[in-house]
């Protein structure tokens, strides 16, 4: 293997890692925004709205939030699961990006 081949493969690997990092960052940012929209709409809408956007947000966000609702005690009308879910997403993003950066070195 020549030096040029090694450089080309390292450049390709670095490009792939950069693409994965960008995907993870954008995916988590969009999902976090969807959770925020879900929370805000839960304050101003009826519980079983038939609007397509509300149904979509419910179908996408509620399964993930239910993971945290199982472990968090209810505090009356306050639901802490979106806060914990967003924190978990940020931690996951940092872990994935950190692991990918370590593999790049």
PDB file of N, CA and C in Angstrom:
ATOM      1  N   UNK A   1       0.853  -1.171   0.000  1.00  0.00           N
ATOM      2  CA  UNK A   1       0.000   0.000   0.000  1.00  0.00           C
ATOM      3  C   UNK A   1       0.901   1.237   0.000  1.00  0.00           C
ATOM      4  N   UNK A   2       0.664   2.110  -0.904  1.00  0.00           N
ATOM      5  CA  UNK A   2       1.481   3.307  -1.011  1.00  0.00           C
ATOM      6  C   UNK A   2       0.949   4.390  -0.083  1.00  0.00           C
ATOM      7  N   UNK A   3       1.743   5.426   0.063  1.00  0.00           N
ATOM      8  CA  UNK A   3       1.355   6.545   0.919  1.00  0.00           C
ATOM      9  C   UNK A   3       0.107   7.226   0.359  1.00  0.00           C
ATOM     10  N   UNK A   4       0.023   7.332  -0.950  1.00  0.00           N
ATOM     11  CA  UNK A   4      -1.148   7.952  -1.572  1.00  0.00           C
ATOM     12  C   UNK A   4      -2.418   7.161  -1.309  1.00  0.00           C
ATOM     13  N   UNK A   5      -2.313   5.815  -1.342  1.00  0.00           N
ATOM     14  CA  UNK A   5      -3.484   4.978  -1.053  1.00  0.00           C
ATOM     15  C   UNK A   5      -3.924   5.136   0.399  1.00  0.00           C
ATOM     16  N   UNK A   6      -2.946   5.195   1.312  1.00  0.00           N
ATOM     17  CA  UNK A   6      -3.288   5.359   2.722  1.00  0.00           C
ATOM     18  C   UNK A   6      -3.940   6.721   2.969  1.00  0.00           C
ATOM     19  N   UNK A   7      -3.409   7.749   2.327  1.00  0.00           N
ATOM     20  CA  UNK A   7      -3.982   9.089   2.473  1.00  0.00           C
ATOM     21  C   UNK A   7      -5.397   9.136   1.923  1.00  0.00           C
ATOM     22  N   UNK A   8      -5.606   8.475   0.787  1.00  0.00           N
ATOM     23  CA  UNK A   8      -6.943   8.460   0.185  1.00  0.00           C
ATOM     24  C   UNK A   8      -7.939   7.735   1.087  1.00  0.00           C
ATOM     25  N   UNK A   9      -7.522   6.606   1.669  1.00  0.00           N
ATOM     26  CA  UNK A   9      -8.444   5.868   2.532  1.00  0.00           C
ATOM     27  C   UNK A   9      -8.717   6.625   3.828  1.00  0.00           C
ATOM     28  N   UNK A  10      -7.700   7.323   4.368  1.00  0.00           N
ATOM     29  CA  UNK A  10      -7.928   8.128   5.572  1.00  0.00           C
ATOM     30  C   UNK A  10      -8.839   9.314   5.279  1.00  0.00           C
ATOM     31  N   UNK A  11      -8.683   9.908   4.118  1.00  0.00           N
ATOM     32  CA  UNK A  11      -9.549  11.014   3.729  1.00  0.00           C
ATOM     33  C   UNK A  11     -10.986  10.533   3.570  1.00  0.00           C
ATOM     34  N   UNK A  12     -11.153   9.360   2.975  1.00  0.00           N
ATOM     35  CA  UNK A  12     -12.490   8.779   2.813  1.00  0.00           C
ATOM     36  C   UNK A  12     -13.105   8.462   4.172  1.00  0.00           C
ATOM     37  N   UNK A  13     -12.301   7.905   5.084  1.00  0.00           N
ATOM     38  CA  UNK A  13     -12.789   7.597   6.427  1.00  0.00           C
ATOM     39  C   UNK A  13     -13.180   8.868   7.172  1.00  0.00           C
ATOM     40  N   UNK A  14     -12.348   9.901   7.061  1.00  0.00           N
ATOM     41  CA  UNK A  14     -12.655  11.167   7.731  1.00  0.00           C
ATOM     42  C   UNK A  14     -13.934  11.782   7.168  1.00  0.00           C
ATOM     43  N   UNK A  15     -14.137  11.679   5.861  1.00  0.00           N
ATOM     44  CA  UNK A  15     -15.363  12.193   5.252  1.00  0.00           C
ATOM     45  C   UNK A  15     -16.587  11.430   5.718  1.00  0.00           C
ATOM     46  N   UNK A  16     -16.461  10.104   5.854  1.00  0.00           N
ATOM     47  CA  UNK A  16     -17.586   9.284   6.319  1.00  0.00           C
ATOM     48  C   UNK A  16     -17.922   9.608   7.777  1.00  0.00           C
ATOM     49  N   UNK A  17     -16.896   9.757   8.602  1.00  0.00           N
ATOM     50  CA  UNK A  17     -17.129  10.091  10.012  1.00  0.00           C
ATOM     51  C   UNK A  17     -17.772  11.464  10.129  1.00  0.00           C
ATOM     52  N   UNK A  18     -17.314  12.411   9.331  1.00  0.00           N
ATOM     53  CA  UNK A  18     -17.899  13.745   9.344  1.00  0.00           C
ATOM     54  C   UNK A  18     -19.368  13.701   8.913  1.00  0.00           C
ATOM     55  N   UNK A  19     -19.687  12.872   7.928  1.00  0.00           N
ATOM     56  CA  UNK A  19     -21.074  12.737   7.482  1.00  0.00           C
ATOM     57  C   UNK A  19     -21.949  12.130   8.573  1.00  0.00           C
ATOM     58  N   UNK A  20     -21.442  11.123   9.265  1.00  0.00           N
ATOM     59  CA  UNK A  20     -22.208  10.494  10.352  1.00  0.00           C
ATOM     60  C   UNK A  20     -22.418  11.490  11.486  1.00  0.00           C
ATOM     61  N   UNK A  21     -21.378  12.253  11.815  1.00  0.00           N
ATOM     62  CA  UNK A  21     -21.527  13.263  12.867  1.00  0.00           C
ATOM     63  C   UNK A  21     -22.571  14.306  12.487  1.00  0.00           C
ATOM     64  N   UNK A  22     -22.534  14.756  11.262  1.00  0.00           N
ATOM     65  CA  UNK A  22     -23.516  15.742  10.807  1.00  0.00           C
ATOM     66  C   UNK A  22     -24.923  15.175  10.862  1.00  0.00           C
ATOM     67  N   UNK A  23     -25.088  13.915  10.432  1.00  0.00           N
ATOM     68  CA  UNK A  23     -26.402  13.287  10.469  1.00  0.00           C
ATOM     69  C   UNK A  23     -26.919  13.188  11.903  1.00  0.00           C
ATOM     70  N   UNK A  24     -26.079  12.718  12.819  1.00  0.00           N
ATOM     71  CA  UNK A  24     -26.494  12.566  14.218  1.00  0.00           C
ATOM     72  C   UNK A  24     -26.867  13.919  14.806  1.00  0.00           C
ATOM     73  N   UNK A  25     -26.061  14.942  14.539  1.00  0.00           N
ATOM     74  CA  UNK A  25     -26.319  16.272  15.077  1.00  0.00           C
ATOM     75  C   UNK A  25     -27.638  16.836  14.549  1.00  0.00           C
ATOM     76  N   UNK A  26     -27.861  16.725  13.257  1.00  0.00           N
ATOM     77  CA  UNK A  26     -29.095  17.262  12.659  1.00  0.00           C
ATOM     78  C   UNK A  26     -30.305  16.454  13.116  1.00  0.00           C
ATOM     79  N   UNK A  27     -30.188  15.123  13.162  1.00  0.00           N
ATOM     80  CA  UNK A  27     -31.297  14.275  13.584  1.00  0.00           C
ATOM     81  C   UNK A  27     -31.727  14.619  15.007  1.00  0.00           C
ATOM     82  N   UNK A  28     -30.759  14.753  15.904  1.00  0.00           N
ATOM     83  CA  UNK A  28     -31.092  15.040  17.296  1.00  0.00           C
ATOM     84  C   UNK A  28     -31.652  16.453  17.433  1.00  0.00           C
ATOM     85  N   UNK A  29     -31.141  17.401  16.667  1.00  0.00           N
ATOM     86  CA  UNK A  29     -31.677  18.772  16.721  1.00  0.00           C
ATOM     87  C   UNK A  29     -33.125  18.801  16.235  1.00  0.00           C
ATOM     88  N   UNK A  30     -33.416  18.106  15.148  1.00  0.00           N
ATOM     89  CA  UNK A  30     -34.786  18.081  14.619  1.00  0.00           C
ATOM     90  C   UNK A  30     -35.717  17.360  15.591  1.00  0.00           C
ATOM     91  N   UNK A  31     -35.257  16.252  16.166  1.00  0.00           N
ATOM     92  CA  UNK A  31     -36.098  15.511  17.103  1.00  0.00           C
ATOM     93  C   UNK A  31     -36.355  16.330  18.369  1.00  0.00           C
ATOM     94  N   UNK A  32     -35.353  17.080  18.813  1.00  0.00           N
ATOM     95  CA  UNK A  32     -35.535  17.951  19.971  1.00  0.00           C
ATOM     96  C   UNK A  32     -36.569  19.036  19.673  1.00  0.00           C
ATOM     97  N   UNK A  33     -36.498  19.621  18.503  1.00  0.00           N
ATOM     98  CA  UNK A  33     -37.502  20.617  18.109  1.00  0.00           C
ATOM     99  C   UNK A  33     -38.896  20.005  18.035  1.00  0.00           C
ATOM    100  N   UNK A  34     -38.978  18.776  17.574  1.00  0.00           N
ATOM    101  CA  UNK A  34     -40.281  18.104  17.515  1.00  0.00           C
ATOM    102  C   UNK A  34     -40.825  17.857  18.920  1.00  0.00           C
ATOM    103  N   UNK A  35     -39.958  17.525  19.865  1.00  0.00           N
ATOM    104  CA  UNK A  35     -40.399  17.338  21.252  1.00  0.00           C
ATOM    105  C   UNK A  35     -40.905  18.661  21.816  1.00  0.00           C
ATOM    106  N   UNK A  36     -40.180  19.750  21.548  1.00  0.00           N
ATOM    107  CA  UNK A  36     -40.636  21.062  22.014  1.00  0.00           C
ATOM    108  C   UNK A  36     -41.990  21.424  21.401  1.00  0.00           C
ATOM    109  N   UNK A  37     -42.164  21.169  20.116  1.00  0.00           N
ATOM    110  CA  UNK A  37     -43.445  21.452  19.463  1.00  0.00           C
ATOM    111  C   UNK A  37     -44.551  20.592  20.074  1.00  0.00           C
ATOM    112  N   UNK A  38     -44.255  19.341  20.361  1.00  0.00           N
ATOM    113  CA  UNK A  38     -45.222  18.434  20.981  1.00  0.00           C
ATOM    114  C   UNK A  38     -45.660  18.964  22.346  1.00  0.00           C
ATOM    115  N   UNK A  39     -44.692  19.429  23.127  1.00  0.00           N
ATOM    116  CA  UNK A  39     -45.004  19.953  24.462  1.00  0.00           C
ATOM    117  C   UNK A  39     -45.857  21.214  24.353  1.00  0.00           C
ATOM    118  N   UNK A  40     -45.463  22.129  23.487  1.00  0.00           N
ATOM    119  CA  UNK A  40     -46.223  23.383  23.339  1.00  0.00           C
ATOM    120  C   UNK A  40     -47.634  23.100  22.844  1.00  0.00           C
ATOM    121  N   UNK A  41     -47.771  22.198  21.878  1.00  0.00           N
ATOM    122  CA  UNK A  41     -49.114  21.870  21.384  1.00  0.00           C
ATOM    123  C   UNK A  41     -49.948  21.138  22.428  1.00  0.00           C
ATOM    124  N   UNK A  42     -49.298  20.433  23.331  1.00  0.00           N
ATOM    125  CA  UNK A  42     -50.067  19.750  24.388  1.00  0.00           C
ATOM    126  C   UNK A  42     -50.671  20.755  25.361  1.00  0.00           C
ATOM    127  N   UNK A  43     -50.134  21.969  25.422  1.00  0.00           N
ATOM    128  CA  UNK A  43     -50.678  22.993  26.298  1.00  0.00           C
ATOM    129  C   UNK A  43     -51.883  23.686  25.690  1.00  0.00           C
ATOM    130  N   UNK A  44     -51.982  23.729  24.357  1.00  0.00           N
ATOM    131  CA  UNK A  44     -53.016  24.547  23.722  1.00  0.00           C
ATOM    132  C   UNK A  44     -54.044  23.752  22.921  1.00  0.00           C
ATOM    133  N   UNK A  45     -53.967  22.469  22.904  1.00  0.00           N
ATOM    134  CA  UNK A  45     -54.901  21.688  22.086  1.00  0.00           C
ATOM    135  C   UNK A  45     -55.736  20.762  22.952  1.00  0.00           C
ATOM    136  N   UNK A  46     -56.760  20.206  22.344  1.00  0.00           N
ATOM    137  CA  UNK A  46     -57.547  19.193  23.047  1.00  0.00           C
ATOM    138  C   UNK A  46     -56.753  17.888  23.048  1.00  0.00           C
ATOM    139  N   UNK A  47     -57.000  17.017  24.007  1.00  0.00           N
ATOM    140  CA  UNK A  47     -56.180  15.811  24.155  1.00  0.00           C
ATOM    141  C   UNK A  47     -56.167  14.890  22.931  1.00  0.00           C
ATOM    142  N   UNK A  48     -57.267  14.768  22.248  1.00  0.00           N
ATOM    143  CA  UNK A  48     -57.329  13.841  21.114  1.00  0.00           C
ATOM    144  C   UNK A  48     -57.625  14.603  19.831  1.00  0.00           C
ATOM    145  N   UNK A  49     -56.717  15.497  19.478  1.00  0.00           N
ATOM    146  CA  UNK A  49     -56.887  16.311  18.284  1.00  0.00           C
ATOM    147  C   UNK A  49     -56.706  15.444  17.039  1.00  0.00           C
ATOM    148  N   UNK A  50     -57.431  15.781  16.002  1.00  0.00           N
ATOM    149  CA  UNK A  50     -57.321  15.023  14.753  1.00  0.00           C
ATOM    150  C   UNK A  50     -56.513  15.767  13.698  1.00  0.00           C
ATOM    151  N   UNK A  51     -55.916  16.889  14.060  1.00  0.00           N
ATOM    152  CA  UNK A  51     -55.087  17.621  13.107  1.00  0.00           C
ATOM    153  C   UNK A  51     -53.869  16.755  12.750  1.00  0.00           C
ATOM    154  N   UNK A  52     -53.538  16.655  11.465  1.00  0.00           N
ATOM    155  CA  UNK A  52     -52.448  15.758  11.049  1.00  0.00           C
ATOM    156  C   UNK A  52     -51.091  16.071  11.695  1.00  0.00           C
ATOM    157  N   UNK A  53     -50.791  17.332  11.893  1.00  0.00           N
ATOM    158  CA  UNK A  53     -49.500  17.679  12.499  1.00  0.00           C
ATOM    159  C   UNK A  53     -49.459  17.212  13.951  1.00  0.00           C
ATOM    160  N   UNK A  54     -50.545  17.415  14.659  1.00  0.00           N
ATOM    161  CA  UNK A  54     -50.603  17.000  16.064  1.00  0.00           C
ATOM    162  C   UNK A  54     -50.516  15.484  16.165  1.00  0.00           C
ATOM    163  N   UNK A  55     -51.221  14.786  15.298  1.00  0.00           N
ATOM    164  CA  UNK A  55     -51.157  13.315  15.298  1.00  0.00           C
ATOM    165  C   UNK A  55     -49.749  12.825  14.973  1.00  0.00           C
ATOM    166  N   UNK A  56     -49.098  13.469  13.997  1.00  0.00           N
ATOM    167  CA  UNK A  56     -47.732  13.088  13.634  1.00  0.00           C
ATOM    168  C   UNK A  56     -46.777  13.274  14.815  1.00  0.00           C
ATOM    169  N   UNK A  57     -46.856  14.442  15.467  1.00  0.00           N
ATOM    170  CA  UNK A  57     -45.986  14.688  16.612  1.00  0.00           C
ATOM    171  C   UNK A  57     -46.257  13.695  17.737  1.00  0.00           C
ATOM    172  N   UNK A  58     -47.523  13.383  17.944  1.00  0.00           N
ATOM    173  CA  UNK A  58     -47.864  12.390  18.971  1.00  0.00           C
ATOM    174  C   UNK A  58     -47.274  11.028  18.621  1.00  0.00           C
ATOM    175  N   UNK A  59     -47.442  10.614  17.370  1.00  0.00           N
ATOM    176  CA  UNK A  59     -46.953   9.297  16.950  1.00  0.00           C
ATOM    177  C   UNK A  59     -45.429   9.200  16.986  1.00  0.00           C
ATOM    178  N   UNK A  60     -44.746  10.324  16.753  1.00  0.00           N
ATOM    179  CA  UNK A  60     -43.282  10.303  16.712  1.00  0.00           C
ATOM    180  C   UNK A  60     -42.668  10.507  18.098  1.00  0.00           C
ATOM    181  N   UNK A  61     -43.212  11.403  18.883  1.00  0.00           N
ATOM    182  CA  UNK A  61     -42.596  11.771  20.158  1.00  0.00           C
ATOM    183  C   UNK A  61     -43.057  10.936  21.340  1.00  0.00           C
ATOM    184  N   UNK A  62     -44.312  10.547  21.353  1.00  0.00           N
ATOM    185  CA  UNK A  62     -44.857   9.890  22.538  1.00  0.00           C
ATOM    186  C   UNK A  62     -44.178   8.551  22.873  1.00  0.00           C
ATOM    187  N   UNK A  63     -43.848   7.695  21.922  1.00  0.00           N
ATOM    188  CA  UNK A  63     -43.163   6.447  22.312  1.00  0.00           C
ATOM    189  C   UNK A  63     -41.824   6.695  23.024  1.00  0.00           C
ATOM    190  N   UNK A  64     -41.073   7.684  22.551  1.00  0.00           N
ATOM    191  CA  UNK A  64     -39.793   8.003  23.196  1.00  0.00           C
ATOM    192  C   UNK A  64     -40.016   8.590  24.587  1.00  0.00           C
ATOM    193  N   UNK A  65     -41.003   9.471  24.714  1.00  0.00           N
ATOM    194  CA  UNK A  65     -41.270  10.084  26.015  1.00  0.00           C
ATOM    195  C   UNK A  65     -41.815   9.070  27.012  1.00  0.00           C
ATOM    196  N   UNK A  66     -42.552   8.067  26.530  1.00  0.00           N
ATOM    197  CA  UNK A  66     -43.081   7.033  27.427  1.00  0.00           C
ATOM    198  C   UNK A  66     -41.973   6.245  28.111  1.00  0.00           C
ATOM    199  N   UNK A  67     -40.812   6.136  27.452  1.00  0.00           N
ATOM    200  CA  UNK A  67     -39.671   5.462  28.096  1.00  0.00           C
ATOM    201  C   UNK A  67     -39.313   6.135  29.413  1.00  0.00           C
ATOM    202  N   UNK A  68     -39.366   7.442  29.427  1.00  0.00           N
ATOM    203  CA  UNK A  68     -38.992   8.195  30.625  1.00  0.00           C
ATOM    204  C   UNK A  68     -40.157   8.338  31.594  1.00  0.00           C
ATOM    205  N   UNK A  69     -41.366   8.333  31.098  1.00  0.00           N
ATOM    206  CA  UNK A  69     -42.536   8.436  31.983  1.00  0.00           C
ATOM    207  C   UNK A  69     -42.661   7.205  32.882  1.00  0.00           C
ATOM    208  N   UNK A  70     -42.136   6.075  32.433  1.00  0.00           N
ATOM    209  CA  UNK A  70     -42.195   4.866  33.255  1.00  0.00           C
ATOM    210  C   UNK A  70     -41.345   4.993  34.509  1.00  0.00           C
ATOM    211  N   UNK A  71     -40.255   5.777  34.421  1.00  0.00           N
ATOM    212  CA  UNK A  71     -39.321   5.860  35.536  1.00  0.00           C
ATOM    213  C   UNK A  71     -39.465   7.131  36.370  1.00  0.00           C
ATOM    214  N   UNK A  72     -40.062   8.154  35.797  1.00  0.00           N
ATOM    215  CA  UNK A  72     -40.230   9.409  36.524  1.00  0.00           C
ATOM    216  C   UNK A  72     -41.544   9.407  37.286  1.00  0.00           C
ATOM    217  N   UNK A  73     -41.507   9.794  38.550  1.00  0.00           N
ATOM    218  CA  UNK A  73     -42.766   9.844  39.298  1.00  0.00           C
ATOM    219  C   UNK A  73     -43.618  11.011  38.813  1.00  0.00           C
ATOM    220  N   UNK A  74     -44.941  10.840  38.796  1.00  0.00           N
ATOM    221  CA  UNK A  74     -45.804  11.952  38.387  1.00  0.00           C
ATOM    222  C   UNK A  74     -45.777  13.070  39.432  1.00  0.00           C
ATOM    223  N   UNK A  75     -45.706  14.284  38.938  1.00  0.00           N
ATOM    224  CA  UNK A  75     -45.701  15.455  39.815  1.00  0.00           C
ATOM    225  C   UNK A  75     -46.941  16.290  39.563  1.00  0.00           C
ATOM    226  N   UNK A  76     -48.086  15.659  39.640  1.00  0.00           N
ATOM    227  CA  UNK A  76     -49.334  16.356  39.361  1.00  0.00           C
ATOM    228  C   UNK A  76     -49.446  16.634  37.873  1.00  0.00           C
ATOM    229  N   UNK A  77     -49.739  17.870  37.512  1.00  0.00           N
ATOM    230  CA  UNK A  77     -49.895  18.189  36.089  1.00  0.00           C
ATOM    231  C   UNK A  77     -48.568  18.422  35.360  1.00  0.00           C
ATOM    232  N   UNK A  78     -47.449  18.381  36.077  1.00  0.00           N
ATOM    233  CA  UNK A  78     -46.146  18.648  35.468  1.00  0.00           C
ATOM    234  C   UNK A  78     -45.534  17.340  34.970  1.00  0.00           C
ATOM    235  N   UNK A  79     -45.153  17.331  33.695  1.00  0.00           N
ATOM    236  CA  UNK A  79     -44.522  16.166  33.086  1.00  0.00           C
ATOM    237  C   UNK A  79     -43.061  16.492  32.818  1.00  0.00           C
ATOM    238  N   UNK A  80     -42.174  15.831  33.549  1.00  0.00           N
ATOM    239  CA  UNK A  80     -40.745  16.087  33.396  1.00  0.00           C
ATOM    240  C   UNK A  80     -40.094  15.233  32.311  1.00  0.00           C
ATOM    241  N   UNK A  81     -40.835  14.326  31.717  1.00  0.00           N
ATOM    242  CA  UNK A  81     -40.230  13.429  30.735  1.00  0.00           C
ATOM    243  C   UNK A  81     -39.653  14.152  29.518  1.00  0.00           C
ATOM    244  N   UNK A  82     -40.249  15.228  28.990  1.00  0.00           N
ATOM    245  CA  UNK A  82     -39.597  15.909  27.863  1.00  0.00           C
ATOM    246  C   UNK A  82     -38.238  16.510  28.224  1.00  0.00           C
ATOM    247  N   UNK A  83     -38.116  17.025  29.439  1.00  0.00           N
ATOM    248  CA  UNK A  83     -36.838  17.606  29.860  1.00  0.00           C
ATOM    249  C   UNK A  83     -35.770  16.523  29.939  1.00  0.00           C
ATOM    250  N   UNK A  84     -36.104  15.417  30.577  1.00  0.00           N
ATOM    251  CA  UNK A  84     -35.154  14.321  30.706  1.00  0.00           C
ATOM    252  C   UNK A  84     -34.842  13.716  29.335  1.00  0.00           C
ATOM    253  N   UNK A  85     -35.844  13.637  28.473  1.00  0.00           N
ATOM    254  CA  UNK A  85     -35.638  13.073  27.136  1.00  0.00           C
ATOM    255  C   UNK A  85     -34.696  13.940  26.307  1.00  0.00           C
ATOM    256  N   UNK A  86     -34.839  15.243  26.385  1.00  0.00           N
ATOM    257  CA  UNK A  86     -33.952  16.142  25.636  1.00  0.00           C
ATOM    258  C   UNK A  86     -32.533  16.064  26.202  1.00  0.00           C
ATOM    259  N   UNK A  87     -32.402  16.006  27.513  1.00  0.00           N
ATOM    260  CA  UNK A  87     -31.070  15.858  28.113  1.00  0.00           C
ATOM    261  C   UNK A  87     -30.430  14.553  27.664  1.00  0.00           C
ATOM    262  N   UNK A  88     -31.205  13.474  27.621  1.00  0.00           N
ATOM    263  CA  UNK A  88     -30.674  12.194  27.156  1.00  0.00           C
ATOM    264  C   UNK A  88     -30.233  12.275  25.695  1.00  0.00           C
ATOM    265  N   UNK A  89     -30.975  12.989  24.870  1.00  0.00           N
ATOM    266  CA  UNK A  89     -30.581  13.147  23.469  1.00  0.00           C
ATOM    267  C   UNK A  89     -29.269  13.922  23.342  1.00  0.00           C
ATOM    268  N   UNK A  90     -29.122  14.976  24.123  1.00  0.00           N
ATOM    269  CA  UNK A  90     -27.884  15.775  24.072  1.00  0.00           C
ATOM    270  C   UNK A  90     -26.697  14.938  24.531  1.00  0.00           C
ATOM    271  N   UNK A  91     -26.883  14.162  25.600  1.00  0.00           N
ATOM    272  CA  UNK A  91     -25.802  13.291  26.083  1.00  0.00           C
ATOM    273  C   UNK A  91     -25.459  12.243  25.025  1.00  0.00           C
ATOM    274  N   UNK A  92     -26.463  11.663  24.413  1.00  0.00           N
ATOM    275  CA  UNK A  92     -26.225  10.674  23.357  1.00  0.00           C
ATOM    276  C   UNK A  92     -25.462  11.295  22.191  1.00  0.00           C
ATOM    277  N   UNK A  93     -25.842  12.495  21.797  1.00  0.00           N
ATOM    278  CA  UNK A  93     -25.145  13.178  20.705  1.00  0.00           C
ATOM    279  C   UNK A  93     -23.672  13.392  21.045  1.00  0.00           C
ATOM    280  N   UNK A  94     -23.405  13.848  22.248  1.00  0.00           N
ATOM    281  CA  UNK A  94     -22.017  14.089  22.642  1.00  0.00           C
ATOM    282  C   UNK A  94     -21.223  12.794  22.724  1.00  0.00           C
ATOM    283  N   UNK A  95     -21.854  11.732  23.208  1.00  0.00           N
ATOM    284  CA  UNK A  95     -21.165  10.443  23.260  1.00  0.00           C
ATOM    285  C   UNK A  95     -20.831   9.928  21.866  1.00  0.00           C
ATOM    286  N   UNK A  96     -21.800   9.976  20.971  1.00  0.00           N
ATOM    287  CA  UNK A  96     -21.571   9.479  19.613  1.00  0.00           C
ATOM    288  C   UNK A  96     -20.503  10.304  18.915  1.00  0.00           C
ATOM    289  N   UNK A  97     -20.598  11.619  19.014  1.00  0.00           N
ATOM    290  CA  UNK A  97     -19.596  12.468  18.378  1.00  0.00           C
ATOM    291  C   UNK A  97     -18.220  12.285  19.008  1.00  0.00           C
ATOM    292  N   UNK A  98     -18.161  12.069  20.322  1.00  0.00           N
ATOM    293  CA  UNK A  98     -16.885  11.816  20.982  1.00  0.00           C
ATOM    294  C   UNK A  98     -16.256  10.505  20.543  1.00  0.00           C
ATOM    295  N   UNK A  99     -17.067   9.471  20.435  1.00  0.00           N
ATOM    296  CA  UNK A  99     -16.556   8.177  19.974  1.00  0.00           C
ATOM    297  C   UNK A  99     -16.069   8.280  18.533  1.00  0.00           C
ATOM    298  N   UNK A 100     -16.815   8.981  17.699  1.00  0.00           N
ATOM    299  CA  UNK A 100     -16.407   9.126  16.308  1.00  0.00           C
ATOM    300  C   UNK A 100     -15.125   9.937  16.195  1.00  0.00           C
ATOM    301  N   UNK A 101     -14.951  10.959  17.023  1.00  0.00           N
ATOM    302  CA  UNK A 101     -13.717  11.741  16.995  1.00  0.00           C
ATOM    303  C   UNK A 101     -12.530  10.918  17.461  1.00  0.00           C
ATOM    304  N   UNK A 102     -12.754  10.060  18.461  1.00  0.00           N
ATOM    305  CA  UNK A 102     -11.679   9.192  18.940  1.00  0.00           C
ATOM    306  C   UNK A 102     -11.240   8.206  17.855  1.00  0.00           C
ATOM    307  N   UNK A 103     -12.186   7.712  17.076  1.00  0.00           N
ATOM    308  CA  UNK A 103     -11.846   6.778  16.002  1.00  0.00           C
ATOM    309  C   UNK A 103     -11.130   7.468  14.857  1.00  0.00           C
ATOM    310  N   UNK A 104     -11.268   8.765  14.770  1.00  0.00           N
ATOM    311  CA  UNK A 104     -10.620   9.514  13.705  1.00  0.00           C
ATOM    312  C   UNK A 104      -9.140   9.699  13.990  1.00  0.00           C
ATOM    313  N   UNK A 105      -8.767   9.745  15.266  1.00  0.00           N
ATOM    314  CA  UNK A 105      -7.367   9.968  15.642  1.00  0.00           C
ATOM    315  C   UNK A 105      -6.509   8.754  15.386  1.00  0.00           C
TER     316      UNK A 105
END
